Amino acid sequence: MELGALDTATAEAGAAAAAGWHRVCHLDDLELSWGEAALVAGRQIALFRTGPGEVFAVAHEDPATGAHVMARGILGSKGARPTIASPLHKEVYDLETGECFSTPGLMLAAFSSRIVDGFVEVEL
């Protein structure tokens, strides 16, 4: 099916609106060392608060299974790198880059996050 000019313009406008920084929640809504799922611009993400002012955002979808479960993953570290292990098959991913340490070739989408005026924002 071919998109018409209006459909293409609408799709491009939607993509532009989804791109950029999105306010997700107040920092205090996130419990320390616990994951939360959020729907941001139509995309399911998992948020992890690992310190007083540190939040990581990754895709909620497990790359190995396609299940939306990453917010229930197990936080940890590999050396100085913060990690999340899938709650299903325990693949371990770098929270900053999405690299899978346990299964080469798997990649978890990782997103930039920041705290602005006490609110967590994620860049898609």
PDB file of N, CA and C in Angstrom:
ATOM      1  N   MET A   1       0.849  -1.180   0.000  1.00  0.00           N
ATOM      2  CA  MET A   1       0.000   0.000   0.000  1.00  0.00           C
ATOM      3  C   MET A   1       0.891   1.238   0.000  1.00  0.00           C
ATOM      4  N   GLU A   2       0.594   2.163  -0.867  1.00  0.00           N
ATOM      5  CA  GLU A   2       1.388   3.377  -0.994  1.00  0.00           C
ATOM      6  C   GLU A   2       0.741   4.500  -0.198  1.00  0.00           C
ATOM      7  N   LEU A   3       1.559   5.258   0.521  1.00  0.00           N
ATOM      8  CA  LEU A   3       1.048   6.391   1.287  1.00  0.00           C
ATOM      9  C   LEU A   3       0.867   7.594   0.382  1.00  0.00           C
ATOM     10  N   GLY A   4      -0.244   8.305   0.557  1.00  0.00           N
ATOM     11  CA  GLY A   4      -0.447   9.555  -0.154  1.00  0.00           C
ATOM     12  C   GLY A   4       0.332  10.663   0.517  1.00  0.00           C
ATOM     13  N   ALA A   5       0.366  11.834  -0.104  1.00  0.00           N
ATOM     14  CA  ALA A   5       1.108  12.974   0.442  1.00  0.00           C
ATOM     15  C   ALA A   5       0.594  13.360   1.824  1.00  0.00           C
ATOM     16  N   LEU A   6      -0.723  13.350   2.024  1.00  0.00           N
ATOM     17  CA  LEU A   6      -1.288  13.717   3.321  1.00  0.00           C
ATOM     18  C   LEU A   6      -0.935  12.679   4.374  1.00  0.00           C
ATOM     19  N   ASP A   7      -1.018  11.383   4.011  1.00  0.00           N
ATOM     20  CA  ASP A   7      -0.661  10.322   4.942  1.00  0.00           C
ATOM     21  C   ASP A   7       0.811  10.409   5.327  1.00  0.00           C
ATOM     22  N   THR A   8       1.668  10.685   4.352  1.00  0.00           N
ATOM     23  CA  THR A   8       3.096  10.811   4.614  1.00  0.00           C
ATOM     24  C   THR A   8       3.364  11.992   5.536  1.00  0.00           C
ATOM     25  N   ALA A   9       2.720  13.120   5.294  1.00  0.00           N
ATOM     26  CA  ALA A   9       2.900  14.302   6.143  1.00  0.00           C
ATOM     27  C   ALA A   9       2.411  14.020   7.555  1.00  0.00           C
ATOM     28  N   THR A  10       1.294  13.319   7.687  1.00  0.00           N
ATOM     29  CA  THR A  10       0.763  12.982   9.010  1.00  0.00           C
ATOM     30  C   THR A  10       1.714  12.050   9.744  1.00  0.00           C
ATOM     31  N   ALA A  11       2.248  11.045   9.047  1.00  0.00           N
ATOM     32  CA  ALA A  11       3.191  10.109   9.657  1.00  0.00           C
ATOM     33  C   ALA A  11       4.456  10.830  10.097  1.00  0.00           C
ATOM     34  N   GLU A  12       4.964  11.736   9.258  1.00  0.00           N
ATOM     35  CA  GLU A  12       6.171  12.486   9.605  1.00  0.00           C
ATOM     36  C   GLU A  12       5.922  13.404  10.792  1.00  0.00           C
ATOM     37  N   ALA A  13       4.758  14.030  10.859  1.00  0.00           N
ATOM     38  CA  ALA A  13       4.423  14.903  11.986  1.00  0.00           C
ATOM     39  C   ALA A  13       4.330  14.095  13.273  1.00  0.00           C
ATOM     40  N   GLY A  14       3.750  12.902  13.191  1.00  0.00           N
ATOM     41  CA  GLY A  14       3.653  12.040  14.370  1.00  0.00           C
ATOM     42  C   GLY A  14       5.019  11.599  14.852  1.00  0.00           C
ATOM     43  N   ALA A  15       5.906  11.265  13.923  1.00  0.00           N
ATOM     44  CA  ALA A  15       7.260  10.857  14.287  1.00  0.00           C
ATOM     45  C   ALA A  15       8.018  12.016  14.917  1.00  0.00           C
ATOM     46  N   ALA A  16       7.835  13.224  14.387  1.00  0.00           N
ATOM     47  CA  ALA A  16       8.508  14.398  14.945  1.00  0.00           C
ATOM     48  C   ALA A  16       7.997  14.687  16.352  1.00  0.00           C
ATOM     49  N   ALA A  17       6.694  14.520  16.569  1.00  0.00           N
ATOM     50  CA  ALA A  17       6.127  14.763  17.898  1.00  0.00           C
ATOM     51  C   ALA A  17       6.648  13.742  18.896  1.00  0.00           C
ATOM     52  N   ALA A  18       6.879  12.504  18.436  1.00  0.00           N
ATOM     53  CA  ALA A  18       7.364  11.458  19.327  1.00  0.00           C
ATOM     54  C   ALA A  18       8.852  11.622  19.620  1.00  0.00           C
ATOM     55  N   ALA A  19       9.600  12.224  18.687  1.00  0.00           N
ATOM     56  CA  ALA A  19      11.029  12.417  18.888  1.00  0.00           C
ATOM     57  C   ALA A  19      11.252  13.539  19.895  1.00  0.00           C
ATOM     58  N   GLY A  20      12.370  13.469  20.594  1.00  0.00           N
ATOM     59  CA  GLY A  20      12.700  14.518  21.556  1.00  0.00           C
ATOM     60  C   GLY A  20      12.478  14.070  22.991  1.00  0.00           C
ATOM     61  N   TRP A  21      12.477  15.040  23.898  1.00  0.00           N
ATOM     62  CA  TRP A  21      12.355  14.767  25.331  1.00  0.00           C
ATOM     63  C   TRP A  21      10.893  14.734  25.756  1.00  0.00           C
ATOM     64  N   HIS A  22      10.561  13.761  26.613  1.00  0.00           N
ATOM     65  CA  HIS A  22       9.195  13.576  27.107  1.00  0.00           C
ATOM     66  C   HIS A  22       9.213  13.503  28.632  1.00  0.00           C
ATOM     67  N   ARG A  23       8.364  14.292  29.269  1.00  0.00           N
ATOM     68  CA  ARG A  23       8.213  14.226  30.723  1.00  0.00           C
ATOM     69  C   ARG A  23       7.402  12.976  31.047  1.00  0.00           C
ATOM     70  N   VAL A  24       7.934  12.123  31.925  1.00  0.00           N
ATOM     71  CA  VAL A  24       7.303  10.836  32.203  1.00  0.00           C
ATOM     72  C   VAL A  24       6.621  10.816  33.565  1.00  0.00           C
ATOM     73  N   CYS A  25       7.335  11.224  34.600  1.00  0.00           N
ATOM     74  CA  CYS A  25       6.782  11.169  35.952  1.00  0.00           C
ATOM     75  C   CYS A  25       7.645  12.019  36.876  1.00  0.00           C
ATOM     76  N   HIS A  26       7.180  12.190  38.093  1.00  0.00           N
ATOM     77  CA  HIS A  26       7.981  12.868  39.108  1.00  0.00           C
ATOM     78  C   HIS A  26       9.021  11.874  39.618  1.00  0.00           C
ATOM     79  N   LEU A  27      10.209  12.353  39.915  1.00  0.00           N
ATOM     80  CA  LEU A  27      11.275  11.480  40.407  1.00  0.00           C
ATOM     81  C   LEU A  27      10.824  10.692  41.630  1.00  0.00           C
ATOM     82  N   ASP A  28      10.060  11.324  42.516  1.00  0.00           N
ATOM     83  CA  ASP A  28       9.609  10.649  43.735  1.00  0.00           C
ATOM     84  C   ASP A  28       8.610   9.529  43.465  1.00  0.00           C
ATOM     85  N   ASP A  29       8.073   9.455  42.234  1.00  0.00           N
ATOM     86  CA  ASP A  29       7.173   8.356  41.872  1.00  0.00           C
ATOM     87  C   ASP A  29       7.932   7.052  41.648  1.00  0.00           C
ATOM     88  N   LEU A  30       9.244   7.144  41.477  1.00  0.00           N
ATOM     89  CA  LEU A  30      10.068   5.959  41.238  1.00  0.00           C
ATOM     90  C   LEU A  30      10.725   5.510  42.534  1.00  0.00           C
ATOM     91  N   GLU A  31      10.516   4.259  42.870  1.00  0.00           N
ATOM     92  CA  GLU A  31      11.121   3.691  44.073  1.00  0.00           C
ATOM     93  C   GLU A  31      12.569   3.306  43.771  1.00  0.00           C
ATOM     94  N   LEU A  32      13.450   3.558  44.717  1.00  0.00           N
ATOM     95  CA  LEU A  32      14.864   3.243  44.554  1.00  0.00           C
ATOM     96  C   LEU A  32      15.054   1.737  44.329  1.00  0.00           C
ATOM     97  N   SER A  33      15.850   1.380  43.342  1.00  0.00           N
ATOM     98  CA  SER A  33      16.193  -0.010  43.010  1.00  0.00           C
ATOM     99  C   SER A  33      14.994  -0.848  42.585  1.00  0.00           C
ATOM    100  N   TRP A  34      14.028  -0.209  41.956  1.00  0.00           N
ATOM    101  CA  TRP A  34      12.820  -0.902  41.515  1.00  0.00           C
ATOM    102  C   TRP A  34      12.458  -0.389  40.129  1.00  0.00           C
ATOM    103  N   GLY A  35      11.914  -1.231  39.282  1.00  0.00           N
ATOM    104  CA  GLY A  35      11.536  -0.828  37.935  1.00  0.00           C
ATOM    105  C   GLY A  35      10.075  -0.449  37.836  1.00  0.00           C
ATOM    106  N   GLU A  36       9.785   0.452  36.919  1.00  0.00           N
ATOM    107  CA  GLU A  36       8.407   0.853  36.608  1.00  0.00           C
ATOM    108  C   GLU A  36       8.259   0.923  35.099  1.00  0.00           C
ATOM    109  N   ALA A  37       7.123   0.484  34.605  1.00  0.00           N
ATOM    110  CA  ALA A  37       6.822   0.571  33.176  1.00  0.00           C
ATOM    111  C   ALA A  37       6.051   1.850  32.904  1.00  0.00           C
ATOM    112  N   ALA A  38       6.285   2.434  31.737  1.00  0.00           N
ATOM    113  CA  ALA A  38       5.576   3.653  31.336  1.00  0.00           C
ATOM    114  C   ALA A  38       5.345   3.613  29.831  1.00  0.00           C
ATOM    115  N   LEU A  39       4.262   4.237  29.411  1.00  0.00           N
ATOM    116  CA  LEU A  39       3.969   4.379  27.987  1.00  0.00           C
ATOM    117  C   LEU A  39       4.329   5.806  27.594  1.00  0.00           C
ATOM    118  N   VAL A  40       5.333   5.951  26.746  1.00  0.00           N
ATOM    119  CA  VAL A  40       5.836   7.262  26.347  1.00  0.00           C
ATOM    120  C   VAL A  40       5.736   7.376  24.827  1.00  0.00           C
ATOM    121  N   ALA A  41       4.916   8.298  24.371  1.00  0.00           N
ATOM    122  CA  ALA A  41       4.721   8.518  22.933  1.00  0.00           C
ATOM    123  C   ALA A  41       4.430   7.206  22.207  1.00  0.00           C
ATOM    124  N   GLY A  42       3.599   6.367  22.821  1.00  0.00           N
ATOM    125  CA  GLY A  42       3.208   5.109  22.212  1.00  0.00           C
ATOM    126  C   GLY A  42       4.210   3.983  22.351  1.00  0.00           C
ATOM    127  N   ARG A  43       5.287   4.206  23.088  1.00  0.00           N
ATOM    128  CA  ARG A  43       6.329   3.189  23.259  1.00  0.00           C
ATOM    129  C   ARG A  43       6.410   2.769  24.723  1.00  0.00           C
ATOM    130  N   GLN A  44       6.443   1.446  24.981  1.00  0.00           N
ATOM    131  CA  GLN A  44       6.582   0.951  26.346  1.00  0.00           C
ATOM    132  C   GLN A  44       8.048   1.008  26.756  1.00  0.00           C
ATOM    133  N   ILE A  45       8.316   1.693  27.861  1.00  0.00           N
ATOM    134  CA  ILE A  45       9.678   1.774  28.379  1.00  0.00           C
ATOM    135  C   ILE A  45       9.694   1.312  29.830  1.00  0.00           C
ATOM    136  N   ALA A  46      10.877   0.964  30.304  1.00  0.00           N
ATOM    137  CA  ALA A  46      11.086   0.589  31.697  1.00  0.00           C
ATOM    138  C   ALA A  46      12.027   1.620  32.312  1.00  0.00           C
ATOM    139  N   LEU A  47      11.650   2.137  33.471  1.00  0.00           N
ATOM    140  CA  LEU A  47      12.456   3.129  34.185  1.00  0.00           C
ATOM    141  C   LEU A  47      13.023   2.505  35.448  1.00  0.00           C
ATOM    142  N   PHE A  48      14.276   2.818  35.744  1.00  0.00           N
ATOM    143  CA  PHE A  48      14.932   2.311  36.943  1.00  0.00           C
ATOM    144  C   PHE A  48      15.627   3.461  37.654  1.00  0.00           C
ATOM    145  N   ARG A  49      15.271   3.663  38.913  1.00  0.00           N
ATOM    146  CA  ARG A  49      15.947   4.662  39.741  1.00  0.00           C
ATOM    147  C   ARG A  49      17.015   3.928  40.541  1.00  0.00           C
ATOM    148  N   THR A  50      18.271   4.224  40.236  1.00  0.00           N
ATOM    149  CA  THR A  50      19.374   3.506  40.866  1.00  0.00           C
ATOM    150  C   THR A  50      20.101   4.325  41.926  1.00  0.00           C
ATOM    151  N   GLY A  51      19.756   5.588  42.042  1.00  0.00           N
ATOM    152  CA  GLY A  51      20.373   6.458  43.033  1.00  0.00           C
ATOM    153  C   GLY A  51      19.488   7.663  43.255  1.00  0.00           C
ATOM    154  N   PRO A  52      19.873   8.550  44.178  1.00  0.00           N
ATOM    155  CA  PRO A  52      19.035   9.710  44.495  1.00  0.00           C
ATOM    156  C   PRO A  52      18.690  10.563  43.277  1.00  0.00           C
ATOM    157  N   GLY A  53      19.600  10.700  42.338  1.00  0.00           N
ATOM    158  CA  GLY A  53      19.348  11.509  41.153  1.00  0.00           C
ATOM    159  C   GLY A  53      19.711  10.784  39.876  1.00  0.00           C
ATOM    160  N   GLU A  54      19.615   9.454  39.889  1.00  0.00           N
ATOM    161  CA  GLU A  54      20.031   8.660  38.730  1.00  0.00           C
ATOM    162  C   GLU A  54      18.891   7.748  38.279  1.00  0.00           C
ATOM    163  N   VAL A  55      18.473   7.930  37.020  1.00  0.00           N
ATOM    164  CA  VAL A  55      17.395   7.133  36.434  1.00  0.00           C
ATOM    165  C   VAL A  55      17.840   6.638  35.065  1.00  0.00           C
ATOM    166  N   PHE A  56      17.567   5.373  34.793  1.00  0.00           N
ATOM    167  CA  PHE A  56      17.850   4.783  33.489  1.00  0.00           C
ATOM    168  C   PHE A  56      16.541   4.422  32.811  1.00  0.00           C
ATOM    169  N   ALA A  57      16.526   4.522  31.481  1.00  0.00           N
ATOM    170  CA  ALA A  57      15.341   4.181  30.694  1.00  0.00           C
ATOM    171  C   ALA A  57      15.748   3.230  29.575  1.00  0.00           C
ATOM    172  N   VAL A  58      15.036   2.115  29.489  1.00  0.00           N
ATOM    173  CA  VAL A  58      15.271   1.125  28.440  1.00  0.00           C
ATOM    174  C   VAL A  58      13.923   0.663  27.897  1.00  0.00           C
ATOM    175  N   ALA A  59      13.953  -0.076  26.803  1.00  0.00           N
ATOM    176  CA  ALA A  59      12.719  -0.654  26.271  1.00  0.00           C
ATOM    177  C   ALA A  59      12.159  -1.647  27.280  1.00  0.00           C
ATOM    178  N   HIS A  60      10.849  -1.692  27.389  1.00  0.00           N
ATOM    179  CA  HIS A  60      10.187  -2.643  28.283  1.00  0.00           C
ATOM    180  C   HIS A  60      10.162  -4.043  27.659  1.00  0.00           C
ATOM    181  N   GLU A  61      10.372  -4.113  26.343  1.00  0.00           N
ATOM    182  CA  GLU A  61      10.329  -5.392  25.625  1.00  0.00           C
ATOM    183  C   GLU A  61      11.646  -6.147  25.752  1.00  0.00           C
ATOM    184  N   ASP A  62      11.574  -7.373  26.200  1.00  0.00           N
ATOM    185  CA  ASP A  62      12.730  -8.259  26.313  1.00  0.00           C
ATOM    186  C   ASP A  62      13.175  -8.653  24.899  1.00  0.00           C
ATOM    187  N   PRO A  63      14.406  -8.312  24.500  1.00  0.00           N
ATOM    188  CA  PRO A  63      14.860  -8.631  23.144  1.00  0.00           C
ATOM    189  C   PRO A  63      14.890 -10.133  22.843  1.00  0.00           C
ATOM    190  N   ALA A  64      15.058 -10.958  23.852  1.00  0.00           N
ATOM    191  CA  ALA A  64      15.161 -12.404  23.634  1.00  0.00           C
ATOM    192  C   ALA A  64      13.810 -13.063  23.401  1.00  0.00           C
ATOM    193  N   THR A  65      12.751 -12.527  24.019  1.00  0.00           N
ATOM    194  CA  THR A  65      11.451 -13.201  23.959  1.00  0.00           C
ATOM    195  C   THR A  65      10.338 -12.362  23.346  1.00  0.00           C
ATOM    196  N   GLY A  66      10.516 -11.046  23.312  1.00  0.00           N
ATOM    197  CA  GLY A  66       9.462 -10.158  22.831  1.00  0.00           C
ATOM    198  C   GLY A  66       8.422  -9.832  23.891  1.00  0.00           C
ATOM    199  N   ALA A  67       8.547 -10.412  25.077  1.00  0.00           N
ATOM    200  CA  ALA A  67       7.609 -10.131  26.169  1.00  0.00           C
ATOM    201  C   ALA A  67       7.929  -8.772  26.792  1.00  0.00           C
ATOM    202  N   HIS A  68       6.903  -8.055  27.198  1.00  0.00           N
ATOM    203  CA  HIS A  68       7.086  -6.742  27.826  1.00  0.00           C
ATOM    204  C   HIS A  68       7.213  -6.930  29.338  1.00  0.00           C
ATOM    205  N   VAL A  69       8.464  -7.183  29.774  1.00  0.00           N
ATOM    206  CA  VAL A  69       8.711  -7.566  31.170  1.00  0.00           C
ATOM    207  C   VAL A  69       9.929  -6.896  31.804  1.00  0.00           C
ATOM    208  N   MET A  70      10.668  -6.087  31.062  1.00  0.00           N
ATOM    209  CA  MET A  70      11.960  -5.611  31.570  1.00  0.00           C
ATOM    210  C   MET A  70      11.857  -4.775  32.841  1.00  0.00           C
ATOM    211  N   ALA A  71      10.723  -4.106  33.068  1.00  0.00           N
ATOM    212  CA  ALA A  71      10.575  -3.326  34.301  1.00  0.00           C
ATOM    213  C   ALA A  71      10.599  -4.230  35.530  1.00  0.00           C
ATOM    214  N   ARG A  72      10.384  -5.520  35.348  1.00  0.00           N
ATOM    215  CA  ARG A  72      10.419  -6.483  36.456  1.00  0.00           C
ATOM    216  C   ARG A  72      11.753  -7.216  36.521  1.00  0.00           C
ATOM    217  N   GLY A  73      12.733  -6.705  35.787  1.00  0.00           N
ATOM    218  CA  GLY A  73      14.049  -7.319  35.772  1.00  0.00           C
ATOM    219  C   GLY A  73      14.802  -7.111  37.077  1.00  0.00           C
ATOM    220  N   ILE A  74      15.967  -7.729  37.149  1.00  0.00           N
ATOM    221  CA  ILE A  74      16.792  -7.708  38.356  1.00  0.00           C
ATOM    222  C   ILE A  74      17.954  -6.741  38.144  1.00  0.00           C
ATOM    223  N   LEU A  75      18.005  -5.689  38.961  1.00  0.00           N
ATOM    224  CA  LEU A  75      19.096  -4.714  38.872  1.00  0.00           C
ATOM    225  C   LEU A  75      20.373  -5.299  39.450  1.00  0.00           C
ATOM    226  N   GLY A  76      21.493  -4.925  38.862  1.00  0.00           N
ATOM    227  CA  GLY A  76      22.782  -5.381  39.352  1.00  0.00           C
ATOM    228  C   GLY A  76      23.885  -4.544  38.740  1.00  0.00           C
ATOM    229  N   SER A  77      25.080  -5.121  38.680  1.00  0.00           N
ATOM    230  CA  SER A  77      26.202  -4.423  38.062  1.00  0.00           C
ATOM    231  C   SER A  77      27.204  -5.443  37.545  1.00  0.00           C
ATOM    232  N   LYS A  78      27.959  -5.006  36.575  1.00  0.00           N
ATOM    233  CA  LYS A  78      29.082  -5.781  36.049  1.00  0.00           C
ATOM    234  C   LYS A  78      30.261  -4.834  36.115  1.00  0.00           C
ATOM    235  N   GLY A  79      31.094  -5.019  37.110  1.00  0.00           N
ATOM    236  CA  GLY A  79      32.131  -4.039  37.390  1.00  0.00           C
ATOM    237  C   GLY A  79      31.457  -2.752  37.823  1.00  0.00           C
ATOM    238  N   ALA A  80      31.779  -1.663  37.163  1.00  0.00           N
ATOM    239  CA  ALA A  80      31.162  -0.371  37.487  1.00  0.00           C
ATOM    240  C   ALA A  80      29.917  -0.099  36.636  1.00  0.00           C
ATOM    241  N   ARG A  81      29.544  -1.034  35.752  1.00  0.00           N
ATOM    242  CA  ARG A  81      28.421  -0.833  34.830  1.00  0.00           C
ATOM    243  C   ARG A  81      27.109  -1.281  35.470  1.00  0.00           C
ATOM    244  N   PRO A  82      26.088  -0.409  35.508  1.00  0.00           N
ATOM    245  CA  PRO A  82      24.774  -0.821  36.012  1.00  0.00           C
ATOM    246  C   PRO A  82      24.105  -1.749  34.999  1.00  0.00           C
ATOM    247  N   THR A  83      23.442  -2.787  35.494  1.00  0.00           N
ATOM    248  CA  THR A  83      22.836  -3.771  34.605  1.00  0.00           C
ATOM    249  C   THR A  83      21.393  -4.073  34.998  1.00  0.00           C
ATOM    250  N   ILE A  84      20.684  -4.677  34.046  1.00  0.00           N
ATOM    251  CA  ILE A  84      19.351  -5.222  34.282  1.00  0.00           C
ATOM    252  C   ILE A  84      19.345  -6.629  33.684  1.00  0.00           C
ATOM    253  N   ALA A  85      18.866  -7.597  34.472  1.00  0.00           N
ATOM    254  CA  ALA A  85      18.727  -8.969  33.982  1.00  0.00           C
ATOM    255  C   ALA A  85      17.263  -9.224  33.670  1.00  0.00           C
ATOM    256  N   SER A  86      17.005  -9.807  32.526  1.00  0.00           N
ATOM    257  CA  SER A  86      15.634 -10.139  32.150  1.00  0.00           C
ATOM    258  C   SER A  86      15.029 -11.066  33.200  1.00  0.00           C
ATOM    259  N   PRO A  87      13.772 -10.828  33.587  1.00  0.00           N
ATOM    260  CA  PRO A  87      13.152 -11.710  34.576  1.00  0.00           C
ATOM    261  C   PRO A  87      12.801 -13.089  34.006  1.00  0.00           C
ATOM    262  N   LEU A  88      12.866 -13.258  32.690  1.00  0.00           N
ATOM    263  CA  LEU A  88      12.496 -14.545  32.093  1.00  0.00           C
ATOM    264  C   LEU A  88      13.682 -15.491  31.962  1.00  0.00           C
ATOM    265  N   HIS A  89      14.675 -15.128  31.157  1.00  0.00           N
ATOM    266  CA  HIS A  89      15.801 -16.028  30.920  1.00  0.00           C
ATOM    267  C   HIS A  89      17.116 -15.497  31.484  1.00  0.00           C
ATOM    268  N   LYS A  90      17.048 -14.381  32.184  1.00  0.00           N
ATOM    269  CA  LYS A  90      18.187 -13.796  32.913  1.00  0.00           C
ATOM    270  C   LYS A  90      19.319 -13.285  32.034  1.00  0.00           C
ATOM    271  N   GLU A  91      19.040 -12.924  30.759  1.00  0.00           N
ATOM    272  CA  GLU A  91      20.070 -12.243  29.975  1.00  0.00           C
ATOM    273  C   GLU A  91      20.381 -10.924  30.669  1.00  0.00           C
ATOM    274  N   VAL A  92      21.654 -10.576  30.735  1.00  0.00           N
ATOM    275  CA  VAL A  92      22.086  -9.377  31.458  1.00  0.00           C
ATOM    276  C   VAL A  92      22.464  -8.287  30.458  1.00  0.00           C
ATOM    277  N   TYR A  93      21.863  -7.097  30.644  1.00  0.00           N
ATOM    278  CA  TYR A  93      22.067  -5.961  29.742  1.00  0.00           C
ATOM    279  C   TYR A  93      22.665  -4.776  30.490  1.00  0.00           C
ATOM    280  N   ASP A  94      23.513  -4.037  29.795  1.00  0.00           N
ATOM    281  CA  ASP A  94      24.056  -2.782  30.308  1.00  0.00           C
ATOM    282  C   ASP A  94      22.936  -1.741  30.263  1.00  0.00           C
ATOM    283  N   LEU A  95      22.637  -1.107  31.398  1.00  0.00           N
ATOM    284  CA  LEU A  95      21.555  -0.123  31.448  1.00  0.00           C
ATOM    285  C   LEU A  95      21.861   1.139  30.648  1.00  0.00           C
ATOM    286  N   GLU A  96      23.123   1.452  30.444  1.00  0.00           N
ATOM    287  CA  GLU A  96      23.470   2.670  29.712  1.00  0.00           C
ATOM    288  C   GLU A  96      23.476   2.465  28.202  1.00  0.00           C
ATOM    289  N   THR A  97      23.963   1.318  27.750  1.00  0.00           N
ATOM    290  CA  THR A  97      24.130   1.096  26.313  1.00  0.00           C
ATOM    291  C   THR A  97      23.153   0.080  25.724  1.00  0.00           C
ATOM    292  N   GLY A  98      22.589  -0.789  26.555  1.00  0.00           N
ATOM    293  CA  GLY A  98      21.701  -1.843  26.083  1.00  0.00           C
ATOM    294  C   GLY A  98      22.421  -3.095  25.616  1.00  0.00           C
ATOM    295  N   GLU A  99      23.759  -3.079  25.657  1.00  0.00           N
ATOM    296  CA  GLU A  99      24.541  -4.246  25.243  1.00  0.00           C
ATOM    297  C   GLU A  99      24.211  -5.444  26.132  1.00  0.00           C
ATOM    298  N   CYS A 100      24.064  -6.614  25.525  1.00  0.00           N
ATOM    299  CA  CYS A 100      23.812  -7.835  26.282  1.00  0.00           C
ATOM    300  C   CYS A 100      25.151  -8.489  26.615  1.00  0.00           C
ATOM    301  N   PHE A 101      25.414  -8.666  27.907  1.00  0.00           N
ATOM    302  CA  PHE A 101      26.671  -9.282  28.331  1.00  0.00           C
ATOM    303  C   PHE A 101      26.628 -10.801  28.210  1.00  0.00           C
ATOM    304  N   SER A 102      25.450 -11.397  28.362  1.00  0.00           N
ATOM    305  CA  SER A 102      25.357 -12.851  28.420  1.00  0.00           C
ATOM    306  C   SER A 102      25.064 -13.516  27.075  1.00  0.00           C
ATOM    307  N   THR A 103      24.472 -12.796  26.131  1.00  0.00           N
ATOM    308  CA  THR A 103      24.155 -13.357  24.814  1.00  0.00           C
ATOM    309  C   THR A 103      24.565 -12.355  23.738  1.00  0.00           C
ATOM    310  N   PRO A 104      25.754 -12.519  23.163  1.00  0.00           N
ATOM    311  CA  PRO A 104      26.200 -11.586  22.127  1.00  0.00           C
ATOM    312  C   PRO A 104      25.180 -11.491  20.994  1.00  0.00           C
ATOM    313  N   GLY A 105      24.990 -10.282  20.503  1.00  0.00           N
ATOM    314  CA  GLY A 105      24.054 -10.056  19.414  1.00  0.00           C
ATOM    315  C   GLY A 105      22.712  -9.515  19.868  1.00  0.00           C
ATOM    316  N   LEU A 106      22.334  -9.773  21.112  1.00  0.00           N
ATOM    317  CA  LEU A 106      21.091  -9.192  21.625  1.00  0.00           C
ATOM    318  C   LEU A 106      21.364  -7.758  22.058  1.00  0.00           C
ATOM    319  N   MET A 107      20.395  -6.892  21.832  1.00  0.00           N
ATOM    320  CA  MET A 107      20.549  -5.482  22.201  1.00  0.00           C
ATOM    321  C   MET A 107      19.222  -4.973  22.750  1.00  0.00           C
ATOM    322  N   LEU A 108      19.268  -4.383  23.918  1.00  0.00           N
ATOM    323  CA  LEU A 108      18.107  -3.762  24.552  1.00  0.00           C
ATOM    324  C   LEU A 108      18.163  -2.272  24.238  1.00  0.00           C
ATOM    325  N   ALA A 109      17.094  -1.720  23.693  1.00  0.00           N
ATOM    326  CA  ALA A 109      17.089  -0.285  23.390  1.00  0.00           C
ATOM    327  C   ALA A 109      17.236   0.504  24.688  1.00  0.00           C
ATOM    328  N   ALA A 110      18.191   1.417  24.720  1.00  0.00           N
ATOM    329  CA  ALA A 110      18.427   2.273  25.884  1.00  0.00           C
ATOM    330  C   ALA A 110      18.208   3.722  25.461  1.00  0.00           C
ATOM    331  N   PHE A 111      17.599   4.500  26.341  1.00  0.00           N
ATOM    332  CA  PHE A 111      17.245   5.883  26.032  1.00  0.00           C
ATOM    333  C   PHE A 111      17.909   6.830  27.029  1.00  0.00           C
ATOM    334  N   SER A 112      18.256   8.008  26.562  1.00  0.00           N
ATOM    335  CA  SER A 112      18.792   9.038  27.454  1.00  0.00           C
ATOM    336  C   SER A 112      17.687   9.487  28.397  1.00  0.00           C
ATOM    337  N   SER A 113      18.066   9.746  29.632  1.00  0.00           N
ATOM    338  CA  SER A 113      17.102  10.263  30.609  1.00  0.00           C
ATOM    339  C   SER A 113      17.757  11.395  31.384  1.00  0.00           C
ATOM    340  N   ARG A 114      16.911  12.240  31.946  1.00  0.00           N
ATOM    341  CA  ARG A 114      17.404  13.360  32.744  1.00  0.00           C
ATOM    342  C   ARG A 114      16.326  13.735  33.751  1.00  0.00           C
ATOM    343  N   ILE A 115      16.737  14.514  34.739  1.00  0.00           N
ATOM    344  CA  ILE A 115      15.800  15.012  35.742  1.00  0.00           C
ATOM    345  C   ILE A 115      15.771  16.525  35.614  1.00  0.00           C
ATOM    346  N   VAL A 116      14.568  17.067  35.387  1.00  0.00           N
ATOM    347  CA  VAL A 116      14.375  18.503  35.214  1.00  0.00           C
ATOM    348  C   VAL A 116      13.289  18.953  36.184  1.00  0.00           C
ATOM    349  N   ASP A 117      13.654  19.840  37.100  1.00  0.00           N
ATOM    350  CA  ASP A 117      12.699  20.364  38.084  1.00  0.00           C
ATOM    351  C   ASP A 117      11.979  19.253  38.830  1.00  0.00           C
ATOM    352  N   GLY A 118      12.696  18.179  39.148  1.00  0.00           N
ATOM    353  CA  GLY A 118      12.117  17.077  39.912  1.00  0.00           C
ATOM    354  C   GLY A 118      11.346  16.071  39.083  1.00  0.00           C
ATOM    355  N   PHE A 119      11.301  16.247  37.766  1.00  0.00           N
ATOM    356  CA  PHE A 119      10.584  15.326  36.885  1.00  0.00           C
ATOM    357  C   PHE A 119      11.566  14.534  36.025  1.00  0.00           C
ATOM    358  N   VAL A 120      11.236  13.280  35.771  1.00  0.00           N
ATOM    359  CA  VAL A 120      12.040  12.425  34.905  1.00  0.00           C
ATOM    360  C   VAL A 120      11.603  12.659  33.467  1.00  0.00           C
ATOM    361  N   GLU A 121      12.577  12.905  32.604  1.00  0.00           N
ATOM    362  CA  GLU A 121      12.324  13.058  31.177  1.00  0.00           C
ATOM    363  C   GLU A 121      13.149  12.026  30.425  1.00  0.00           C
ATOM    364  N   VAL A 122      12.569  11.505  29.344  1.00  0.00           N
ATOM    365  CA  VAL A 122      13.220  10.496  28.517  1.00  0.00           C
ATOM    366  C   VAL A 122      13.247  10.997  27.081  1.00  0.00           C
ATOM    367  N   GLU A 123      14.376  10.774  26.414  1.00  0.00           N
ATOM    368  CA  GLU A 123      14.509  11.171  25.011  1.00  0.00           C
ATOM    369  C   GLU A 123      14.280   9.962  24.111  1.00  0.00           C
ATOM    370  N   LEU A 124      13.310  10.097  23.225  1.00  0.00           N
ATOM    371  CA  LEU A 124      13.028   9.030  22.247  1.00  0.00           C
ATOM    372  C   LEU A 124      13.479   9.475  20.869  1.00  0.00           C
TER     373      LEU A 124
END
